[in-house]
């Protein structure tokens, strides 16, 4: 299994859906398990995927916030 590819596909699903994003922030492991129920993951694999998704979601959130700040100064 390609953990990085799995995490990347989850990031897209999570960031495209605000309800799913809120659910992920509240309980990341259960959210990931629910999104990929057919994959049998051990705790280490699940933790790796959750960590990768968290990192990417946080980076995207920072980029979005910085874009908003740029808008305050007339930049787009």
Protein backbone atom coordinates (compact mmCIF):
# COMPACT_ATOMS: atom_id res chain seq x y z
CA UNK A 1 0.00 0.00 0.00
CA UNK A 2 1.22 3.48 -0.86
CA UNK A 3 0.67 5.48 2.32
CA UNK A 4 1.62 8.79 0.69
CA UNK A 5 -0.86 8.33 -2.19
CA UNK A 6 -3.59 7.30 0.24
CA UNK A 7 -2.93 10.37 2.39
CA UNK A 8 -2.98 12.67 -0.64
CA UNK A 9 -6.35 11.34 -1.80
CA UNK A 10 -7.74 11.81 1.71
CA UNK A 11 -6.47 15.39 1.87
CA UNK A 12 -8.46 16.23 -1.26
CA UNK A 13 -11.63 14.63 0.12
CA UNK A 14 -11.25 16.31 3.50
CA UNK A 15 -10.36 19.79 2.30
CA UNK A 16 -13.16 19.80 -0.28
CA UNK A 17 -15.82 19.15 2.37
CA UNK A 18 -16.12 21.53 5.36
CA UNK A 19 -18.17 19.03 7.40
CA UNK A 20 -15.58 16.34 6.82
CA UNK A 21 -12.81 18.78 7.70
CA UNK A 22 -14.50 19.59 11.02
CA UNK A 23 -14.96 15.90 11.72
CA UNK A 24 -11.29 15.24 10.89
CA UNK A 25 -10.14 17.99 13.24
CA UNK A 26 -12.30 16.57 16.04
CA UNK A 27 -11.32 12.90 15.57
CA UNK A 28 -8.73 12.33 12.85
CA UNK A 29 -8.23 8.58 13.27
CA UNK A 30 -11.93 7.70 13.17
CA UNK A 31 -12.47 10.00 10.19
CA UNK A 32 -9.67 8.34 8.23
CA UNK A 33 -10.96 4.88 9.17
CA UNK A 34 -14.41 5.89 7.93
CA UNK A 35 -13.06 7.15 4.62
CA UNK A 36 -11.10 3.99 3.86
CA UNK A 37 -13.06 1.20 5.56
CA UNK A 38 -12.01 -1.46 3.05
CA UNK A 39 -8.31 -1.04 3.90
CA UNK A 40 -7.07 -2.99 6.87
CA UNK A 41 -4.46 -0.82 8.58
CA UNK A 42 -2.38 -1.50 11.63
CA UNK A 43 -2.02 1.31 14.19
CA UNK A 44 1.33 2.41 12.76
CA UNK A 45 0.02 2.73 9.22
CA UNK A 46 -3.09 4.55 10.39
CA UNK A 47 -1.00 6.96 12.47
CA UNK A 48 1.31 7.63 9.51
CA UNK A 49 -1.62 8.44 7.25
CA UNK A 50 -3.24 10.65 9.88
CA UNK A 51 0.04 12.53 10.44
CA UNK A 52 0.53 13.10 6.70
CA UNK A 53 -3.04 14.32 6.27
CA UNK A 54 -2.78 16.61 9.31
CA UNK A 55 0.42 18.14 7.98
CA UNK A 56 -1.07 18.78 4.54
CA UNK A 57 -4.37 20.13 5.89
CA UNK A 58 -2.46 22.51 8.18
CA UNK A 59 -0.21 23.69 5.33
CA UNK A 60 -3.23 24.35 3.12
CA UNK A 61 -4.90 26.24 5.97
CA UNK A 62 -1.84 28.43 6.44
CA UNK A 63 -1.69 29.16 2.70
CA UNK A 64 -5.35 30.12 2.72
CA UNK A 65 -4.87 32.41 5.70
CA UNK A 66 -1.84 34.05 4.09
CA UNK A 67 -3.86 34.61 0.92
CA UNK A 68 -6.54 36.33 2.96
CA UNK A 69 -3.96 38.55 4.62
CA UNK A 70 -2.57 39.47 1.18
CA UNK A 71 -6.08 40.59 0.23
CA UNK A 72 -6.01 43.11 3.03
CA UNK A 73 -3.12 44.85 1.30
CA UNK A 74 -4.65 44.82 -2.14
CA UNK A 75 -2.80 41.75 -3.41
CA UNK A 76 -4.55 38.81 -4.97
